[in-house]
């Protein structure tokens, strides 16, 4: 299935492919002028795939994202647990994340890159070295594809501050600083934070619906 948020990247991607950044989203629930197009990379990818393969291409793109994400998860588990335990955990995660895996949404990019970033952090935690610098280009790529990059930066920052800094404070501070700068490596550059500010003020957040429903005492919330 294809989620409602993915197809609108197609016309935006067509605008970006023509050599300019869209300044508004006319089809959004609340049309906004002066919009900051941080995710131009995702728009180009989705437009290119749709232009060549149509809706089927978007499903294939989702499958690729899931394959990369679960591949990274499986590799991380393989290094820490038996094959049986790794399979069990993978199945539990797959069942729990079924809506994210089975429906093609913009989050497919984070589905692939979040586990990949965690794998890099895990590898460095096990054997500290300069490979942790690989997190920086991952963050830079991710920043152009999906806003969940902020969660990735938070996880990376927690590891660098609470773990890596004990061994090499200078390296940890350098990687963290470079990662924060990498978030700004988008078409909007220093205006990138304005995009995230606008996201937090979106209609769904204001209404508390969908993924923006406040936490409560519901079983899954607990």
Protein backbone atom coordinates (compact mmCIF):
# COMPACT_ATOMS: atom_id res chain seq x y z
CA UNK A 1 0.00 0.00 0.00
CA UNK A 2 1.04 3.61 -0.56
CA UNK A 3 0.51 6.15 2.21
CA UNK A 4 -1.06 9.54 1.59
CA UNK A 5 2.14 11.46 2.35
CA UNK A 6 4.34 9.88 -0.34
CA UNK A 7 2.59 10.82 -3.64
CA UNK A 8 2.78 14.56 -2.95
CA UNK A 9 6.56 14.30 -3.20
CA UNK A 10 6.12 13.53 -6.91
CA UNK A 11 4.97 17.00 -8.07
CA UNK A 12 7.41 18.67 -5.68
CA UNK A 13 10.19 16.51 -7.12
CA UNK A 14 9.22 17.57 -10.62
CA UNK A 15 9.70 21.21 -9.57
CA UNK A 16 13.09 20.44 -8.02
CA UNK A 17 14.13 18.48 -11.12
CA UNK A 18 13.34 21.59 -13.17
CA UNK A 19 16.00 23.45 -11.20
CA UNK A 20 14.09 25.39 -8.57
CA UNK A 21 12.82 24.86 -5.04
CA UNK A 22 9.06 25.09 -4.37
CA UNK A 23 8.19 27.94 -2.01
CA UNK A 24 4.83 26.53 -0.87
CA UNK A 25 2.71 23.37 -0.69
CA UNK A 26 -0.59 24.29 -2.26
CA UNK A 27 -2.19 20.87 -1.79
CA UNK A 28 -1.42 20.65 1.93
CA UNK A 29 -4.13 20.78 4.58
CA UNK A 30 -2.91 24.27 5.43
CA UNK A 31 -1.19 25.83 2.38
CA UNK A 32 1.94 27.65 3.51
CA UNK A 33 3.92 30.27 1.64
CA UNK A 34 7.56 30.83 2.39
CA UNK A 35 7.96 27.11 3.03
CA UNK A 36 11.53 25.88 3.41
CA UNK A 37 12.16 22.87 1.17
CA UNK A 38 14.70 20.89 3.19
CA UNK A 39 13.72 17.47 1.84
CA UNK A 40 14.45 18.17 -1.82
CA UNK A 41 16.57 15.00 -1.98
CA UNK A 42 13.62 12.80 -1.05
CA UNK A 43 11.44 14.60 -3.58
CA UNK A 44 13.95 13.99 -6.36
CA UNK A 45 14.27 10.29 -5.49
CA UNK A 46 10.51 9.73 -5.31
CA UNK A 47 9.86 11.70 -8.49
CA UNK A 48 12.58 9.82 -10.38
CA UNK A 49 11.28 6.42 -9.27
CA UNK A 50 7.66 7.32 -10.00
CA UNK A 51 8.55 8.76 -13.40
CA UNK A 52 10.19 5.49 -14.43
CA UNK A 53 8.06 2.87 -12.68
CA UNK A 54 4.87 4.54 -11.51
CA UNK A 55 3.18 3.50 -8.28
CA UNK A 56 4.89 0.12 -8.42
CA UNK A 57 8.21 1.91 -8.13
CA UNK A 58 7.15 3.53 -4.84
CA UNK A 59 6.32 0.11 -3.43
CA UNK A 60 9.72 -1.19 -4.58
CA UNK A 61 11.37 1.82 -2.95
CA UNK A 62 9.62 0.95 0.32
CA UNK A 63 10.80 -2.64 0.02
CA UNK A 64 14.38 -1.46 -0.53
CA UNK A 65 14.21 0.79 2.53
CA UNK A 66 12.88 -2.06 4.65
CA UNK A 67 15.54 -4.43 3.32
CA UNK A 68 18.37 -2.02 4.19
CA UNK A 69 16.92 -1.28 7.63
CA UNK A 70 16.27 -4.87 8.63
CA UNK A 71 19.56 -5.93 7.10
CA UNK A 72 21.38 -3.49 9.39
CA UNK A 73 19.28 -4.68 12.33
CA UNK A 74 20.08 -8.32 11.59
CA UNK A 75 23.80 -7.57 11.26
CA UNK A 76 23.83 -5.76 14.59
CA UNK A 77 22.01 -8.62 16.28
CA UNK A 78 24.29 -11.21 14.69
CA UNK A 79 27.27 -9.61 16.41
CA UNK A 80 25.66 -9.81 19.84
CA UNK A 81 23.39 -12.84 19.96
CA UNK A 82 22.81 -16.31 18.58
CA UNK A 83 21.07 -16.72 15.25
CA UNK A 84 17.92 -17.95 16.98
CA UNK A 85 17.76 -14.93 19.28
CA UNK A 86 18.47 -12.59 16.37
CA UNK A 87 15.65 -14.15 14.34
CA UNK A 88 13.23 -13.87 17.26
CA UNK A 89 14.03 -10.20 17.86
CA UNK A 90 13.77 -9.44 14.13
CA UNK A 91 10.32 -11.04 13.98
CA UNK A 92 9.12 -9.12 17.04
CA UNK A 93 10.38 -5.84 15.56
CA UNK A 94 8.80 -6.67 12.19
CA UNK A 95 5.41 -7.35 13.79
CA UNK A 96 5.61 -4.22 15.93
CA UNK A 97 6.64 -2.07 12.97
CA UNK A 98 4.21 -3.66 10.49
CA UNK A 99 2.38 -0.40 9.60
CA UNK A 100 5.70 1.29 8.88
CA UNK A 101 7.03 -1.64 6.86
CA UNK A 102 3.92 -2.53 4.85
CA UNK A 103 2.79 0.98 3.88
CA UNK A 104 5.03 3.09 1.64
CA UNK A 105 5.49 6.45 3.33
CA UNK A 106 8.08 9.21 3.35
CA UNK A 107 9.48 7.57 6.48
CA UNK A 108 10.90 4.76 4.30
CA UNK A 109 14.16 6.72 4.23
CA UNK A 110 14.39 6.70 8.02
CA UNK A 111 13.39 3.03 8.04
CA UNK A 112 16.66 2.39 6.19
CA UNK A 113 18.99 4.97 7.73
CA UNK A 114 18.14 4.83 11.44
CA UNK A 115 19.22 1.16 11.83
CA UNK A 116 22.29 1.91 9.70
CA UNK A 117 23.30 4.73 12.04
CA UNK A 118 22.71 2.52 15.08
CA UNK A 119 24.91 -0.15 13.48
CA UNK A 120 27.74 2.39 13.12
CA UNK A 121 27.34 3.45 16.76
CA UNK A 122 27.21 -0.17 17.90
CA UNK A 123 30.39 -1.03 15.98
CA UNK A 124 32.23 1.91 17.50
CA UNK A 125 31.02 1.07 21.00
CA UNK A 126 32.40 -2.44 20.60
CA UNK A 127 35.70 -1.37 19.05
CA UNK A 128 36.29 2.41 19.23
CA UNK A 129 37.99 3.91 16.22
CA UNK A 130 37.65 6.47 13.48
CA UNK A 131 34.80 4.59 11.83
CA UNK A 132 32.43 6.68 13.95
CA UNK A 133 33.07 9.44 11.40
CA UNK A 134 30.90 7.42 9.00
CA UNK A 135 27.94 8.73 10.97
CA UNK A 136 28.51 12.24 9.60
CA UNK A 137 27.81 11.50 5.88
CA UNK A 138 24.88 9.31 6.93
CA UNK A 139 23.42 12.28 8.83
CA UNK A 140 24.07 14.61 5.88
CA UNK A 141 22.29 12.24 3.48
CA UNK A 142 19.45 11.62 5.93
CA UNK A 143 18.91 15.37 6.47
CA UNK A 144 17.90 15.69 2.81
CA UNK A 145 15.48 12.77 2.96
CA UNK A 146 13.43 12.80 6.17
CA UNK A 147 12.99 14.86 9.31
CA UNK A 148 13.56 11.91 11.63
CA UNK A 149 17.24 12.69 11.19
CA UNK A 150 16.85 14.67 14.41
CA UNK A 151 16.17 11.41 16.29
CA UNK A 152 19.31 9.96 14.74
CA UNK A 153 21.36 12.96 15.86
CA UNK A 154 19.92 12.58 19.37
CA UNK A 155 20.95 8.91 19.55
CA UNK A 156 24.40 9.65 18.16
CA UNK A 157 24.81 12.59 20.53
CA UNK A 158 23.84 10.49 23.54
CA UNK A 159 26.45 7.90 22.63
CA UNK A 160 29.17 10.46 21.98
CA UNK A 161 28.55 12.40 25.20
CA UNK A 162 27.86 9.49 27.56
CA UNK A 163 30.15 6.89 26.02
CA UNK A 164 32.75 7.89 23.46
CA UNK A 165 33.79 11.07 25.29
CA UNK A 166 35.20 8.96 28.13
CA UNK A 167 37.84 7.58 25.76
CA UNK A 168 38.43 10.54 23.46
CA UNK A 169 36.62 13.75 24.35
CA UNK A 170 38.10 15.71 21.43
CA UNK A 171 37.04 13.16 18.83
CA UNK A 172 33.57 12.86 20.37
CA UNK A 173 33.11 16.63 20.34
CA UNK A 174 34.37 16.84 16.74
CA UNK A 175 32.01 14.16 15.47
CA UNK A 176 29.08 15.69 17.34
CA UNK A 177 29.83 19.16 15.97
CA UNK A 178 30.23 17.82 12.44
CA UNK A 179 26.95 15.90 12.74
CA UNK A 180 25.07 19.02 13.84
CA UNK A 181 26.52 20.90 10.87
CA UNK A 182 25.61 17.97 8.60
CA UNK A 183 21.94 18.53 9.44
CA UNK A 184 22.29 21.93 7.76
CA UNK A 185 23.70 20.48 4.52
CA UNK A 186 20.39 20.87 2.70
CA UNK A 187 19.23 23.25 -0.03
CA UNK A 188 18.08 25.62 2.73
CA UNK A 189 21.46 25.63 4.55
CA UNK A 190 21.25 27.94 7.61
CA UNK A 191 17.46 28.23 7.15
CA UNK A 192 17.03 24.49 7.76
CA UNK A 193 15.97 24.95 11.44
CA UNK A 194 13.03 27.06 10.21
CA UNK A 195 11.68 23.99 8.46
CA UNK A 196 11.69 21.96 11.66
CA UNK A 197 10.08 24.82 13.55
CA UNK A 198 7.27 24.86 10.97
CA UNK A 199 6.87 21.07 11.25
CA UNK A 200 6.26 21.35 14.98
CA UNK A 201 3.50 23.88 14.27
CA UNK A 202 1.74 21.77 11.62
CA UNK A 203 -2.02 21.19 11.55
CA UNK A 204 -1.81 17.57 12.73
CA UNK A 205 0.32 18.61 15.71
CA UNK A 206 -2.09 21.40 16.59
CA UNK A 207 -5.06 19.01 16.40
CA UNK A 208 -3.23 16.14 18.10
CA UNK A 209 -4.11 13.57 15.43
CA UNK A 210 -2.25 10.75 13.67
CA UNK A 211 1.38 10.44 14.74
CA UNK A 212 0.94 13.65 16.74
CA UNK A 213 -1.55 12.21 19.24
CA UNK A 214 -0.30 13.09 22.76
CA UNK A 215 0.89 10.21 24.92
CA UNK A 216 -1.72 8.88 27.34
CA UNK A 217 -2.55 5.78 29.35
CA UNK A 218 -3.42 3.63 26.33
CA UNK A 219 -1.71 0.20 26.41
CA UNK A 220 0.70 0.93 23.54
CA UNK A 221 1.55 4.34 25.00
CA UNK A 222 2.47 2.74 28.32
